[in-house]
Protein backbone atom coordinates (compact mmCIF):
# COMPACT_ATOMS: atom_id res chain seq x y z
CA MET A 1 48.73 3.87 -68.91
CA SER A 2 45.11 3.04 -68.27
CA GLU A 3 42.83 5.23 -70.34
CA ILE A 4 39.62 4.57 -68.38
CA ASP A 5 39.20 4.05 -64.65
CA VAL A 6 36.29 4.34 -62.25
CA VAL A 7 36.82 6.14 -58.95
CA THR A 8 34.51 6.72 -56.00
CA VAL A 9 33.76 10.08 -54.42
CA SER A 10 34.27 10.04 -50.64
CA SER A 11 31.92 11.64 -48.13
CA ARG A 12 34.28 14.64 -48.14
CA GLY A 13 34.12 15.01 -51.93
CA GLN A 14 37.54 13.50 -52.50
CA VAL A 15 38.56 11.08 -55.24
CA SER A 16 41.70 8.97 -55.49
CA ILE A 17 43.62 9.16 -58.73
CA PRO A 18 44.73 5.64 -59.67
CA ALA A 19 48.41 4.91 -58.99
CA ASP A 20 49.24 4.18 -62.64
CA VAL A 21 47.82 7.56 -63.69
CA ARG A 22 49.74 9.36 -60.92
CA ARG A 23 52.92 7.57 -61.94
CA ASP A 24 52.49 8.24 -65.67
CA LEU A 25 51.75 11.93 -65.07
CA GLU A 26 54.38 12.22 -62.34
CA LEU A 27 51.78 13.53 -59.89
CA GLU A 28 53.17 13.86 -56.40
CA GLU A 29 51.69 15.19 -53.18
CA GLY A 30 50.96 18.89 -53.59
CA ALA A 31 50.65 18.74 -57.39
CA LYS A 32 48.20 21.26 -58.83
CA LEU A 33 45.29 20.18 -61.02
CA LEU A 34 42.97 22.43 -62.99
CA VAL A 35 39.34 21.31 -62.59
CA VAL A 36 36.91 22.07 -65.40
CA SER A 37 33.27 21.02 -65.28
CA LYS A 38 30.64 21.25 -67.96
CA GLY A 39 27.35 19.44 -67.80
CA ASP A 40 28.04 16.08 -66.22
CA ASN A 41 31.71 16.05 -67.30
CA ILE A 42 34.75 16.80 -65.13
CA LEU A 43 38.22 17.30 -66.60
CA LEU A 44 41.39 17.30 -64.49
CA LYS A 45 44.55 18.76 -66.05
CA LYS A 46 47.98 18.83 -64.47
CA VAL A 47 49.30 22.39 -64.21
CA ASP A 48 52.37 23.94 -62.64
CA GLU A 49 52.37 26.57 -59.89
CA SER A 50 53.11 29.45 -62.30
CA PHE A 51 50.01 28.53 -64.32
CA VAL A 52 47.85 28.65 -61.19
CA GLU A 53 49.21 32.02 -60.07
CA LYS A 54 48.99 33.58 -63.53
CA SER A 55 45.55 32.15 -64.26
CA LEU A 56 44.06 33.43 -61.02
CA GLU A 57 45.54 36.86 -61.62
CA ASP A 58 44.22 36.85 -65.21
CA VAL A 59 40.74 35.98 -63.97
CA LEU A 60 40.66 38.35 -61.03
CA LYS A 61 42.38 41.42 -62.50
CA PRO A 62 39.47 42.47 -64.77
CA MET A 63 37.03 42.00 -61.89
CA TRP A 64 39.21 44.12 -59.58
CA GLU A 65 39.38 46.85 -62.23
CA GLU A 66 35.59 46.87 -62.71
CA ALA A 67 35.01 46.93 -58.96
CA GLU A 68 37.42 49.85 -58.62
CA LYS A 69 35.64 51.75 -61.43
CA ALA A 70 32.32 51.15 -59.64
CA GLY A 71 33.81 52.46 -56.39
CA LEU A 72 33.58 49.10 -54.63
CA GLY A 73 36.09 48.03 -52.00
CA GLU A 74 36.78 44.79 -50.14
CA ASP A 75 34.10 45.53 -47.52
CA ASP A 76 31.53 46.05 -50.28
CA ALA A 77 32.45 42.72 -51.85
CA GLU A 78 32.07 40.89 -48.54
CA GLU A 79 28.68 42.52 -47.99
CA LEU A 80 27.50 41.50 -51.47
CA ILE A 81 28.67 37.92 -50.87
CA ASP A 82 26.81 37.80 -47.54
CA GLU A 83 23.64 39.14 -49.18
CA HIS A 84 23.87 36.52 -51.95
CA ARG A 85 24.36 33.72 -49.43
CA GLN A 86 21.26 34.82 -47.52
CA GLU A 87 19.21 34.77 -50.74
CA SER A 88 20.35 31.24 -51.61
C-alpha cells in the first residue's frame, strides 16, 4: 500500500482516491467516508453505514432537544438559516 499520494481537486471539488488505496481498503462505489478537517489538514476514514446513521443521530439529537426546549420548530430553523445566509 502506498502511504503517500498526491491527488488533484477537480472543478467540482472531487478527488480520486488512488486505485491501490481503494483496493487495500476495499472501497467500492457507494462506500462511506468520514471527512475531518482541521487547519490545512483533511482526514478521510472509511466508515460503515451504521456509523453514519448513529453519528448523525448523536450529533443532531442534542440540537433537536435544545431547539424543542426553546420552542423552535422546523419553520423557525429554516428562517434562521435564511437569515444567516443573507448576512454572509
